[in-house]
Amino acid sequence: MRAPTDIAPRPRTLAVPFAAAVLLAACASAPPREAGPPPVPSPQLVSAGALDLPRDCRPEPGVVYRTTYTVQPDGHTTGIESAPGTGCVQDALGRWVTTFRYRPGEAPVQEALDWMIVTATRER
């Protein structure tokens, strides 16, 4: 006795819902974002003077001193502001940032410098 040849295998019952879910997910995905202006490249530092802290200036260990400034298209810095507050460290950082020179760019760019004193004892 021969086996019938006209019997087709049954489709798997999970394959159809899975394929439908994949197709629906593709249709419901977020549309592509509109292209905005290209990001401004980071300024490239060309030179900087030495950071000079006065002898009697004692930075507080663990405190991050932030100095914000703007790099102008011609490469010099303006708008220098230091935080937290005022003091000899903030003044020294502000003077240091005035010595920074960057490669010329197309537009002013906001930058920030974070500085913290790190000390350690030396074992002999």
C-alpha atoms as a PDB file:
ATOM      1  CA  MET A   1       0.000   0.000   0.000  1.00  0.00           C
ATOM      2  CA  ARG A   2       1.267   3.391  -0.982  1.00  0.00           C
ATOM      3  CA  ALA A   3       1.271   6.530   1.125  1.00  0.00           C
ATOM      4  CA  PRO A   4      -0.889   9.302  -0.228  1.00  0.00           C
ATOM      5  CA  THR A   5       1.190  11.978  -2.022  1.00  0.00           C
ATOM      6  CA  ASP A   6      -1.354  14.762  -2.063  1.00  0.00           C
ATOM      7  CA  ILE A   7      -1.104  15.498   1.671  1.00  0.00           C
ATOM      8  CA  ALA A   8       0.873  18.712   2.221  1.00  0.00           C
ATOM      9  CA  PRO A   9       2.578  19.365   5.519  1.00  0.00           C
ATOM     10  CA  ARG A  10       0.649  21.700   7.833  1.00  0.00           C
ATOM     11  CA  PRO A  11       2.067  25.177   8.284  1.00  0.00           C
ATOM     12  CA  ARG A  12       3.367  25.722  11.749  1.00  0.00           C
ATOM     13  CA  THR A  13       0.816  27.642  13.693  1.00  0.00           C
ATOM     14  CA  LEU A  14       3.389  29.962  15.312  1.00  0.00           C
ATOM     15  CA  ALA A  15       5.249  30.870  12.127  1.00  0.00           C
ATOM     16  CA  VAL A  16       2.432  32.949  10.638  1.00  0.00           C
ATOM     17  CA  PRO A  17       1.797  35.116  13.739  1.00  0.00           C
ATOM     18  CA  PHE A  18       5.556  35.598  14.189  1.00  0.00           C
ATOM     19  CA  ALA A  19       6.010  36.759  10.591  1.00  0.00           C
ATOM     20  CA  ALA A  20       3.046  39.120  10.955  1.00  0.00           C
ATOM     21  CA  ALA A  21       4.507  40.583  14.143  1.00  0.00           C
ATOM     22  CA  VAL A  22       7.860  41.195  12.428  1.00  0.00           C
ATOM     23  CA  LEU A  23       6.168  42.959   9.516  1.00  0.00           C
ATOM     24  CA  LEU A  24       4.058  45.114  11.840  1.00  0.00           C
ATOM     25  CA  ALA A  25       7.093  46.045  13.919  1.00  0.00           C
ATOM     26  CA  ALA A  26       8.919  47.202  10.803  1.00  0.00           C
ATOM     27  CA  CYS A  27       5.963  49.373   9.829  1.00  0.00           C
ATOM     28  CA  ALA A  28       5.680  50.887  13.306  1.00  0.00           C
ATOM     29  CA  SER A  29       9.355  51.777  13.703  1.00  0.00           C
ATOM     30  CA  ALA A  30      10.312  55.419  14.158  1.00  0.00           C
ATOM     31  CA  PRO A  31      10.790  57.417  10.987  1.00  0.00           C
ATOM     32  CA  PRO A  32      14.345  58.461  10.175  1.00  0.00           C
ATOM     33  CA  ARG A  33      15.468  61.698  11.830  1.00  0.00           C
ATOM     34  CA  GLU A  34      15.839  64.775   9.720  1.00  0.00           C
ATOM     35  CA  ALA A  35      19.432  65.656   9.068  1.00  0.00           C
ATOM     36  CA  GLY A  36      20.452  68.697  11.071  1.00  0.00           C
ATOM     37  CA  PRO A  37      23.565  70.763  10.748  1.00  0.00           C
ATOM     38  CA  PRO A  38      26.769  68.791  11.206  1.00  0.00           C
ATOM     39  CA  PRO A  39      28.253  68.999  14.701  1.00  0.00           C
ATOM     40  CA  VAL A  40      30.914  71.629  15.289  1.00  0.00           C
ATOM     41  CA  PRO A  41      34.284  69.883  15.566  1.00  0.00           C
ATOM     42  CA  SER A  42      36.089  70.155  18.909  1.00  0.00           C
ATOM     43  CA  PRO A  43      38.739  72.851  18.982  1.00  0.00           C
ATOM     44  CA  GLN A  44      42.316  71.587  18.787  1.00  0.00           C
ATOM     45  CA  LEU A  45      44.691  73.041  21.357  1.00  0.00           C
ATOM     46  CA  VAL A  46      47.938  74.218  19.750  1.00  0.00           C
ATOM     47  CA  SER A  47      49.745  75.691  22.758  1.00  0.00           C
ATOM     48  CA  ALA A  48      49.327  76.567  26.411  1.00  0.00           C
ATOM     49  CA  GLY A  49      51.474  78.282  29.012  1.00  0.00           C
ATOM     50  CA  ALA A  50      52.346  76.769  32.382  1.00  0.00           C
ATOM     51  CA  LEU A  51      49.825  76.648  35.222  1.00  0.00           C
ATOM     52  CA  ASP A  52      51.339  78.811  37.928  1.00  0.00           C
ATOM     53  CA  LEU A  53      49.840  78.481  41.415  1.00  0.00           C
ATOM     54  CA  PRO A  54      51.219  80.974  43.969  1.00  0.00           C
ATOM     55  CA  ARG A  55      53.219  79.358  46.796  1.00  0.00           C
ATOM     56  CA  ASP A  56      50.643  80.260  49.418  1.00  0.00           C
ATOM     57  CA  CYS A  57      47.743  78.923  47.312  1.00  0.00           C
ATOM     58  CA  ARG A  58      46.414  75.631  48.694  1.00  0.00           C
ATOM     59  CA  PRO A  59      43.858  73.827  46.504  1.00  0.00           C
ATOM     60  CA  GLU A  60      41.437  71.758  48.526  1.00  0.00           C
ATOM     61  CA  PRO A  61      41.948  68.010  47.895  1.00  0.00           C
ATOM     62  CA  GLY A  62      38.970  66.345  46.214  1.00  0.00           C
ATOM     63  CA  VAL A  63      37.459  69.608  44.946  1.00  0.00           C
ATOM     64  CA  VAL A  64      36.989  69.891  41.188  1.00  0.00           C
ATOM     65  CA  TYR A  65      37.676  73.412  39.960  1.00  0.00           C
ATOM     66  CA  ARG A  66      35.835  74.107  36.702  1.00  0.00           C
ATOM     67  CA  THR A  67      36.702  76.891  34.301  1.00  0.00           C
ATOM     68  CA  THR A  68      34.424  77.570  31.334  1.00  0.00           C
ATOM     69  CA  TYR A  69      35.395  79.674  28.343  1.00  0.00           C
ATOM     70  CA  THR A  70      34.736  80.294  24.676  1.00  0.00           C
ATOM     71  CA  VAL A  71      37.201  79.482  21.926  1.00  0.00           C
ATOM     72  CA  GLN A  72      36.883  82.178  19.273  1.00  0.00           C
ATOM     73  CA  PRO A  73      37.279  81.453  15.536  1.00  0.00           C
ATOM     74  CA  ASP A  74      40.772  82.996  15.579  1.00  0.00           C
ATOM     75  CA  GLY A  75      41.876  80.533  18.314  1.00  0.00           C
ATOM     76  CA  HIS A  76      42.013  82.763  21.403  1.00  0.00           C
ATOM     77  CA  THR A  77      39.855  82.337  24.526  1.00  0.00           C
ATOM     78  CA  THR A  78      37.230  84.722  25.923  1.00  0.00           C
ATOM     79  CA  GLY A  79      34.461  84.697  28.528  1.00  0.00           C
ATOM     80  CA  ILE A  80      36.569  82.891  31.140  1.00  0.00           C
ATOM     81  CA  GLU A  81      34.636  82.000  34.304  1.00  0.00           C
ATOM     82  CA  SER A  82      35.780  79.797  37.180  1.00  0.00           C
ATOM     83  CA  ALA A  83      33.740  77.822  39.701  1.00  0.00           C
ATOM     84  CA  PRO A  84      33.256  77.118  42.543  1.00  0.00           C
ATOM     85  CA  GLY A  85      33.449  80.742  43.696  1.00  0.00           C
ATOM     86  CA  THR A  86      36.584  82.840  43.732  1.00  0.00           C
ATOM     87  CA  GLY A  87      40.043  82.314  45.137  1.00  0.00           C
ATOM     88  CA  CYS A  88      43.675  81.797  44.235  1.00  0.00           C
ATOM     89  CA  VAL A  89      43.070  78.496  42.399  1.00  0.00           C
ATOM     90  CA  GLN A  90      40.278  79.950  40.287  1.00  0.00           C
ATOM     91  CA  ASP A  91      42.406  83.025  39.517  1.00  0.00           C
ATOM     92  CA  ALA A  92      45.380  80.855  38.487  1.00  0.00           C
ATOM     93  CA  LEU A  93      43.188  78.671  36.268  1.00  0.00           C
ATOM     94  CA  GLY A  94      41.695  81.764  34.622  1.00  0.00           C
ATOM     95  CA  ARG A  95      45.175  83.165  33.912  1.00  0.00           C
ATOM     96  CA  TRP A  96      46.246  79.775  32.523  1.00  0.00           C
ATOM     97  CA  VAL A  97      43.269  79.544  30.147  1.00  0.00           C
ATOM     98  CA  THR A  98      44.177  82.966  28.708  1.00  0.00           C
ATOM     99  CA  THR A  99      47.410  81.354  27.432  1.00  0.00           C
ATOM    100  CA  PHE A 100      45.548  78.650  25.474  1.00  0.00           C
ATOM    101  CA  ARG A 101      45.767  78.929  21.701  1.00  0.00           C
ATOM    102  CA  TYR A 102      43.659  76.783  19.397  1.00  0.00           C
ATOM    103  CA  ARG A 103      43.654  76.094  15.691  1.00  0.00           C
ATOM    104  CA  PRO A 104      41.381  78.580  13.929  1.00  0.00           C
ATOM    105  CA  GLY A 105      37.788  77.385  13.548  1.00  0.00           C
ATOM    106  CA  GLU A 106      34.576  78.412  11.853  1.00  0.00           C
ATOM    107  CA  ALA A 107      32.527  79.546  14.863  1.00  0.00           C
ATOM    108  CA  PRO A 108      32.881  80.222  18.603  1.00  0.00           C
ATOM    109  CA  VAL A 109      32.813  77.021  20.707  1.00  0.00           C
ATOM    110  CA  GLN A 110      32.038  76.691  24.421  1.00  0.00           C
ATOM    111  CA  GLU A 111      34.619  74.657  26.355  1.00  0.00           C
ATOM    112  CA  ALA A 112      35.181  73.638  29.981  1.00  0.00           C
ATOM    113  CA  LEU A 113      38.281  72.644  31.909  1.00  0.00           C
ATOM    114  CA  ASP A 114      38.040  70.581  35.101  1.00  0.00           C
ATOM    115  CA  TRP A 115      41.078  70.583  37.389  1.00  0.00           C
ATOM    116  CA  MET A 116      41.697  68.798  40.681  1.00  0.00           C
ATOM    117  CA  ILE A 117      44.805  68.520  42.844  1.00  0.00           C
ATOM    118  CA  VAL A 118      46.007  64.962  43.404  1.00  0.00           C
ATOM    119  CA  THR A 119      48.589  64.318  46.088  1.00  0.00           C
ATOM    120  CA  ALA A 120      50.292  61.170  47.288  1.00  0.00           C
ATOM    121  CA  THR A 121      53.091  60.262  49.614  1.00  0.00           C
ATOM    122  CA  ARG A 122      56.189  58.711  48.185  1.00  0.00           C
ATOM    123  CA  GLU A 123      57.447  55.506  49.736  1.00  0.00           C
ATOM    124  CA  ARG A 124      61.184  54.995  49.840  1.00  0.00           C
END
